[in-house]
Amino acid sequence: MTEGVIKEVMQGFFAISVGDSEKYSPCNLDAKWKIEGKKVKFKGIEKEIFPNERRAATPFLLTEIQEVK
């Protein structure tokens, strides 16, 4: 599993930040995880970004997530 931090990238848009440059945008992130600064461990499937798309983070399907204490 990968460790990351939940970040509110734009108002109401959350991503999981890993390090300085990687950001994942989980399409199935439950509301209980949408807390700025929450540390998590997660795994899932990266989705494709098409050449004509511009995104703030890589689309991602979560298969597992847990809080890091």
PDB file of N, CA and C in Angstrom:
ATOM      1  N   MET A   1       0.845  -1.187   0.000  1.00  0.00           N
ATOM      2  CA  MET A   1       0.000   0.000   0.000  1.00  0.00           C
ATOM      3  C   MET A   1       0.886   1.244   0.000  1.00  0.00           C
ATOM      4  N   THR A   2       0.341   2.308  -0.569  1.00  0.00           N
ATOM      5  CA  THR A   2       1.053   3.581  -0.694  1.00  0.00           C
ATOM      6  C   THR A   2       0.538   4.554   0.362  1.00  0.00           C
ATOM      7  N   GLU A   3       1.436   5.315   0.967  1.00  0.00           N
ATOM      8  CA  GLU A   3       1.026   6.327   1.940  1.00  0.00           C
ATOM      9  C   GLU A   3       0.884   7.677   1.256  1.00  0.00           C
ATOM     10  N   GLY A   4      -0.133   8.412   1.676  1.00  0.00           N
ATOM     11  CA  GLY A   4      -0.365   9.735   1.126  1.00  0.00           C
ATOM     12  C   GLY A   4      -1.158  10.600   2.087  1.00  0.00           C
ATOM     13  N   VAL A   5      -1.455  11.813   1.645  1.00  0.00           N
ATOM     14  CA  VAL A   5      -2.195  12.784   2.453  1.00  0.00           C
ATOM     15  C   VAL A   5      -3.349  13.316   1.623  1.00  0.00           C
ATOM     16  N   ILE A   6      -4.529  13.384   2.225  1.00  0.00           N
ATOM     17  CA  ILE A   6      -5.701  13.938   1.551  1.00  0.00           C
ATOM     18  C   ILE A   6      -5.543  15.454   1.455  1.00  0.00           C
ATOM     19  N   LYS A   7      -5.727  15.982   0.251  1.00  0.00           N
ATOM     20  CA  LYS A   7      -5.624  17.425   0.016  1.00  0.00           C
ATOM     21  C   LYS A   7      -6.862  17.902  -0.734  1.00  0.00           C
ATOM     22  N   GLU A   8      -7.370  19.067  -0.330  1.00  0.00           N
ATOM     23  CA  GLU A   8      -8.449  19.690  -1.093  1.00  0.00           C
ATOM     24  C   GLU A   8      -7.787  20.561  -2.162  1.00  0.00           C
ATOM     25  N   VAL A   9      -7.790  20.077  -3.392  1.00  0.00           N
ATOM     26  CA  VAL A   9      -7.101  20.744  -4.489  1.00  0.00           C
ATOM     27  C   VAL A   9      -7.853  21.998  -4.920  1.00  0.00           C
ATOM     28  N   MET A  10      -9.166  21.880  -5.035  1.00  0.00           N
ATOM     29  CA  MET A  10     -10.055  23.007  -5.314  1.00  0.00           C
ATOM     30  C   MET A  10     -11.258  22.817  -4.397  1.00  0.00           C
ATOM     31  N   GLN A  11     -12.109  23.799  -4.301  1.00  0.00           N
ATOM     32  CA  GLN A  11     -13.266  23.684  -3.424  1.00  0.00           C
ATOM     33  C   GLN A  11     -14.091  22.457  -3.791  1.00  0.00           C
ATOM     34  N   GLY A  12     -14.156  21.495  -2.859  1.00  0.00           N
ATOM     35  CA  GLY A  12     -14.944  20.285  -3.055  1.00  0.00           C
ATOM     36  C   GLY A  12     -14.263  19.206  -3.879  1.00  0.00           C
ATOM     37  N   PHE A  13     -13.047  19.445  -4.348  1.00  0.00           N
ATOM     38  CA  PHE A  13     -12.301  18.470  -5.142  1.00  0.00           C
ATOM     39  C   PHE A  13     -11.109  17.992  -4.331  1.00  0.00           C
ATOM     40  N   PHE A  14     -11.105  16.704  -3.988  1.00  0.00           N
ATOM     41  CA  PHE A  14     -10.061  16.142  -3.145  1.00  0.00           C
ATOM     42  C   PHE A  14      -9.173  15.190  -3.925  1.00  0.00           C
ATOM     43  N   ALA A  15      -7.911  15.162  -3.547  1.00  0.00           N
ATOM     44  CA  ALA A  15      -6.945  14.255  -4.148  1.00  0.00           C
ATOM     45  C   ALA A  15      -6.077  13.678  -3.029  1.00  0.00           C
ATOM     46  N   ILE A  16      -5.394  12.599  -3.343  1.00  0.00           N
ATOM     47  CA  ILE A  16      -4.426  12.027  -2.412  1.00  0.00           C
ATOM     48  C   ILE A  16      -3.046  12.393  -2.951  1.00  0.00           C
ATOM     49  N   SER A  17      -2.297  13.110  -2.143  1.00  0.00           N
ATOM     50  CA  SER A  17      -0.971  13.572  -2.535  1.00  0.00           C
ATOM     51  C   SER A  17       0.074  12.604  -2.004  1.00  0.00           C
ATOM     52  N   VAL A  18       0.978  12.199  -2.900  1.00  0.00           N
ATOM     53  CA  VAL A  18       2.077  11.305  -2.537  1.00  0.00           C
ATOM     54  C   VAL A  18       3.372  12.025  -2.884  1.00  0.00           C
ATOM     55  N   GLY A  19       4.098  12.438  -1.888  1.00  0.00           N
ATOM     56  CA  GLY A  19       5.330  13.175  -2.149  1.00  0.00           C
ATOM     57  C   GLY A  19       5.042  14.553  -2.709  1.00  0.00           C
ATOM     58  N   ASP A  20       6.022  15.094  -3.440  1.00  0.00           N
ATOM     59  CA  ASP A  20       5.907  16.457  -3.951  1.00  0.00           C
ATOM     60  C   ASP A  20       5.191  16.561  -5.290  1.00  0.00           C
ATOM     61  N   SER A  21       5.175  15.463  -6.072  1.00  0.00           N
ATOM     62  CA  SER A  21       4.681  15.608  -7.439  1.00  0.00           C
ATOM     63  C   SER A  21       3.519  14.696  -7.813  1.00  0.00           C
ATOM     64  N   GLU A  22       3.274  13.628  -7.086  1.00  0.00           N
ATOM     65  CA  GLU A  22       2.202  12.702  -7.461  1.00  0.00           C
ATOM     66  C   GLU A  22       0.898  13.056  -6.748  1.00  0.00           C
ATOM     67  N   LYS A  23      -0.191  13.125  -7.522  1.00  0.00           N
ATOM     68  CA  LYS A  23      -1.524  13.342  -6.960  1.00  0.00           C
ATOM     69  C   LYS A  23      -2.488  12.389  -7.641  1.00  0.00           C
ATOM     70  N   TYR A  24      -3.335  11.757  -6.853  1.00  0.00           N
ATOM     71  CA  TYR A  24      -4.343  10.831  -7.374  1.00  0.00           C
ATOM     72  C   TYR A  24      -5.727  11.357  -7.032  1.00  0.00           C
ATOM     73  N   SER A  25      -6.628  11.286  -8.000  1.00  0.00           N
ATOM     74  CA  SER A  25      -7.996  11.752  -7.836  1.00  0.00           C
ATOM     75  C   SER A  25      -8.930  10.544  -7.782  1.00  0.00           C
ATOM     76  N   PRO A  26      -9.211  10.043  -6.566  1.00  0.00           N
ATOM     77  CA  PRO A  26     -10.061   8.859  -6.467  1.00  0.00           C
ATOM     78  C   PRO A  26     -11.517   9.182  -6.818  1.00  0.00           C
ATOM     79  N   CYS A  27     -12.060   8.435  -7.757  1.00  0.00           N
ATOM     80  CA  CYS A  27     -13.446   8.669  -8.191  1.00  0.00           C
ATOM     81  C   CYS A  27     -14.444   8.128  -7.170  1.00  0.00           C
ATOM     82  N   ASN A  28     -13.989   7.304  -6.246  1.00  0.00           N
ATOM     83  CA  ASN A  28     -14.892   6.692  -5.269  1.00  0.00           C
ATOM     84  C   ASN A  28     -14.468   6.991  -3.828  1.00  0.00           C
ATOM     85  N   LEU A  29     -13.950   8.192  -3.581  1.00  0.00           N
ATOM     86  CA  LEU A  29     -13.551   8.592  -2.236  1.00  0.00           C
ATOM     87  C   LEU A  29     -14.790   8.962  -1.426  1.00  0.00           C
ATOM     88  N   ASP A  30     -15.051   8.214  -0.385  1.00  0.00           N
ATOM     89  CA  ASP A  30     -16.209   8.435   0.473  1.00  0.00           C
ATOM     90  C   ASP A  30     -16.042   9.749   1.240  1.00  0.00           C
ATOM     91  N   ALA A  31     -17.155  10.388   1.570  1.00  0.00           N
ATOM     92  CA  ALA A  31     -17.152  11.688   2.261  1.00  0.00           C
ATOM     93  C   ALA A  31     -16.381  11.645   3.583  1.00  0.00           C
ATOM     94  N   LYS A  32     -16.378  10.511   4.271  1.00  0.00           N
ATOM     95  CA  LYS A  32     -15.689  10.432   5.570  1.00  0.00           C
ATOM     96  C   LYS A  32     -14.169  10.584   5.436  1.00  0.00           C
ATOM     97  N   TRP A  33     -13.633  10.416   4.228  1.00  0.00           N
ATOM     98  CA  TRP A  33     -12.193  10.563   3.989  1.00  0.00           C
ATOM     99  C   TRP A  33     -11.830  11.964   3.498  1.00  0.00           C
ATOM    100  N   LYS A  34     -12.795  12.784   3.189  1.00  0.00           N
ATOM    101  CA  LYS A  34     -12.539  14.107   2.614  1.00  0.00           C
ATOM    102  C   LYS A  34     -12.223  15.122   3.709  1.00  0.00           C
ATOM    103  N   ILE A  35     -11.061  14.906   4.339  1.00  0.00           N
ATOM    104  CA  ILE A  35     -10.599  15.762   5.432  1.00  0.00           C
ATOM    105  C   ILE A  35      -9.180  16.212   5.102  1.00  0.00           C
ATOM    106  N   GLU A  36      -9.013  17.497   4.894  1.00  0.00           N
ATOM    107  CA  GLU A  36      -7.708  18.072   4.557  1.00  0.00           C
ATOM    108  C   GLU A  36      -6.649  17.628   5.566  1.00  0.00           C
ATOM    109  N   GLY A  37      -5.549  17.074   5.067  1.00  0.00           N
ATOM    110  CA  GLY A  37      -4.422  16.695   5.921  1.00  0.00           C
ATOM    111  C   GLY A  37      -4.482  15.290   6.498  1.00  0.00           C
ATOM    112  N   LYS A  38      -5.567  14.571   6.275  1.00  0.00           N
ATOM    113  CA  LYS A  38      -5.683  13.207   6.817  1.00  0.00           C
ATOM    114  C   LYS A  38      -4.663  12.301   6.121  1.00  0.00           C
ATOM    115  N   LYS A  39      -3.863  11.576   6.926  1.00  0.00           N
ATOM    116  CA  LYS A  39      -2.862  10.658   6.389  1.00  0.00           C
ATOM    117  C   LYS A  39      -3.509   9.295   6.167  1.00  0.00           C
ATOM    118  N   VAL A  40      -3.265   8.729   4.982  1.00  0.00           N
ATOM    119  CA  VAL A  40      -3.886   7.457   4.627  1.00  0.00           C
ATOM    120  C   VAL A  40      -2.886   6.522   3.943  1.00  0.00           C
ATOM    121  N   LYS A  41      -3.232   5.241   3.964  1.00  0.00           N
ATOM    122  CA  LYS A  41      -2.582   4.228   3.135  1.00  0.00           C
ATOM    123  C   LYS A  41      -3.656   3.768   2.169  1.00  0.00           C
ATOM    124  N   PHE A  42      -3.283   3.575   0.911  1.00  0.00           N
ATOM    125  CA  PHE A  42      -4.298   3.230  -0.080  1.00  0.00           C
ATOM    126  C   PHE A  42      -3.713   2.385  -1.202  1.00  0.00           C
ATOM    127  N   LYS A  43      -4.597   1.722  -1.914  1.00  0.00           N
ATOM    128  CA  LYS A  43      -4.205   1.050  -3.152  1.00  0.00           C
ATOM    129  C   LYS A  43      -5.400   1.057  -4.082  1.00  0.00           C
ATOM    130  N   GLY A  44      -5.121   0.873  -5.360  1.00  0.00           N
ATOM    131  CA  GLY A  44      -6.186   0.914  -6.341  1.00  0.00           C
ATOM    132  C   GLY A  44      -5.644   0.838  -7.750  1.00  0.00           C
ATOM    133  N   ILE A  45      -6.444   1.321  -8.681  1.00  0.00           N
ATOM    134  CA  ILE A  45      -6.133   1.207 -10.103  1.00  0.00           C
ATOM    135  C   ILE A  45      -6.077   2.598 -10.721  1.00  0.00           C
ATOM    136  N   GLU A  46      -4.940   2.906 -11.351  1.00  0.00           N
ATOM    137  CA  GLU A  46      -4.821   4.172 -12.085  1.00  0.00           C
ATOM    138  C   GLU A  46      -5.648   4.082 -13.355  1.00  0.00           C
ATOM    139  N   LYS A  47      -6.364   5.144 -13.659  1.00  0.00           N
ATOM    140  CA  LYS A  47      -7.161   5.214 -14.883  1.00  0.00           C
ATOM    141  C   LYS A  47      -6.417   6.051 -15.916  1.00  0.00           C
ATOM    142  N   GLU A  48      -6.818   5.905 -17.149  1.00  0.00           N
ATOM    143  CA  GLU A  48      -6.146   6.574 -18.256  1.00  0.00           C
ATOM    144  C   GLU A  48      -6.528   8.051 -18.344  1.00  0.00           C
ATOM    145  N   ILE A  49      -5.550   8.867 -18.700  1.00  0.00           N
ATOM    146  CA  ILE A  49      -5.793  10.258 -19.052  1.00  0.00           C
ATOM    147  C   ILE A  49      -5.590  10.349 -20.561  1.00  0.00           C
ATOM    148  N   PHE A  50      -6.599  10.796 -21.258  1.00  0.00           N
ATOM    149  CA  PHE A  50      -6.525  10.897 -22.707  1.00  0.00           C
ATOM    150  C   PHE A  50      -5.710  12.120 -23.112  1.00  0.00           C
ATOM    151  N   PRO A  51      -5.093  12.112 -24.298  1.00  0.00           N
ATOM    152  CA  PRO A  51      -4.226  13.210 -24.726  1.00  0.00           C
ATOM    153  C   PRO A  51      -4.906  14.583 -24.734  1.00  0.00           C
ATOM    154  N   ASN A  52      -6.210  14.639 -24.943  1.00  0.00           N
ATOM    155  CA  ASN A  52      -6.897  15.934 -25.006  1.00  0.00           C
ATOM    156  C   ASN A  52      -7.465  16.370 -23.648  1.00  0.00           C
ATOM    157  N   GLU A  53      -7.135  15.659 -22.572  1.00  0.00           N
ATOM    158  CA  GLU A  53      -7.617  16.002 -21.230  1.00  0.00           C
ATOM    159  C   GLU A  53      -6.520  16.707 -20.432  1.00  0.00           C
ATOM    160  N   ARG A  54      -6.962  17.618 -19.571  1.00  0.00           N
ATOM    161  CA  ARG A  54      -6.046  18.253 -18.615  1.00  0.00           C
ATOM    162  C   ARG A  54      -6.649  18.030 -17.238  1.00  0.00           C
ATOM    163  N   ARG A  55      -5.873  17.441 -16.361  1.00  0.00           N
ATOM    164  CA  ARG A  55      -6.370  17.103 -15.025  1.00  0.00           C
ATOM    165  C   ARG A  55      -5.380  17.557 -13.959  1.00  0.00           C
ATOM    166  N   ALA A  56      -5.916  17.885 -12.781  1.00  0.00           N
ATOM    167  CA  ALA A  56      -5.069  18.289 -11.653  1.00  0.00           C
ATOM    168  C   ALA A  56      -4.420  17.079 -10.983  1.00  0.00           C
ATOM    169  N   ALA A  57      -5.012  15.887 -11.201  1.00  0.00           N
ATOM    170  CA  ALA A  57      -4.494  14.666 -10.585  1.00  0.00           C
ATOM    171  C   ALA A  57      -4.863  13.460 -11.456  1.00  0.00           C
ATOM    172  N   THR A  58      -4.135  12.380 -11.269  1.00  0.00           N
ATOM    173  CA  THR A  58      -4.382  11.156 -12.025  1.00  0.00           C
ATOM    174  C   THR A  58      -5.682  10.508 -11.557  1.00  0.00           C
ATOM    175  N   PRO A  59      -6.612  10.209 -12.471  1.00  0.00           N
ATOM    176  CA  PRO A  59      -7.850   9.521 -12.083  1.00  0.00           C
ATOM    177  C   PRO A  59      -7.501   8.160 -11.471  1.00  0.00           C
ATOM    178  N   PHE A  60      -8.244   7.787 -10.437  1.00  0.00           N
ATOM    179  CA  PHE A  60      -7.861   6.623  -9.649  1.00  0.00           C
ATOM    180  C   PHE A  60      -9.105   5.946  -9.076  1.00  0.00           C
ATOM    181  N   LEU A  61      -9.137   4.627  -9.111  1.00  0.00           N
ATOM    182  CA  LEU A  61     -10.218   3.839  -8.505  1.00  0.00           C
ATOM    183  C   LEU A  61      -9.664   3.180  -7.249  1.00  0.00           C
ATOM    184  N   LEU A  62     -10.117   3.611  -6.087  1.00  0.00           N
ATOM    185  CA  LEU A  62      -9.656   3.033  -4.826  1.00  0.00           C
ATOM    186  C   LEU A  62     -10.177   1.614  -4.654  1.00  0.00           C
ATOM    187  N   THR A  63      -9.300   0.717  -4.239  1.00  0.00           N
ATOM    188  CA  THR A  63      -9.741  -0.630  -3.876  1.00  0.00           C
ATOM    189  C   THR A  63      -9.616  -0.853  -2.375  1.00  0.00           C
ATOM    190  N   GLU A  64      -8.767  -0.024  -1.735  1.00  0.00           N
ATOM    191  CA  GLU A  64      -8.601  -0.118  -0.287  1.00  0.00           C
ATOM    192  C   GLU A  64      -8.025   1.199   0.228  1.00  0.00           C
ATOM    193  N   ILE A  65      -8.503   1.611   1.401  1.00  0.00           N
ATOM    194  CA  ILE A  65      -7.975   2.826   2.056  1.00  0.00           C
ATOM    195  C   ILE A  65      -8.097   2.653   3.558  1.00  0.00           C
ATOM    196  N   GLN A  66      -7.071   3.129   4.264  1.00  0.00           N
ATOM    197  CA  GLN A  66      -7.105   3.092   5.734  1.00  0.00           C
ATOM    198  C   GLN A  66      -6.329   4.275   6.280  1.00  0.00           C
ATOM    199  N   GLU A  67      -6.709   4.697   7.471  1.00  0.00           N
ATOM    200  CA  GLU A  67      -6.064   5.842   8.102  1.00  0.00           C
ATOM    201  C   GLU A  67      -4.715   5.441   8.679  1.00  0.00           C
ATOM    202  N   VAL A  68      -3.742   6.344   8.557  1.00  0.00           N
ATOM    203  CA  VAL A  68      -2.440   6.166   9.195  1.00  0.00           C
ATOM    204  C   VAL A  68      -2.478   6.933  10.494  1.00  0.00           C
ATOM    205  N   LYS A  69      -2.152   6.278  11.591  1.00  0.00           N
ATOM    206  CA  LYS A  69      -2.212   6.941  12.896  1.00  0.00           C
ATOM    207  C   LYS A  69      -0.837   7.289  13.391  1.00  0.00           C
TER     208      LYS A  69
END
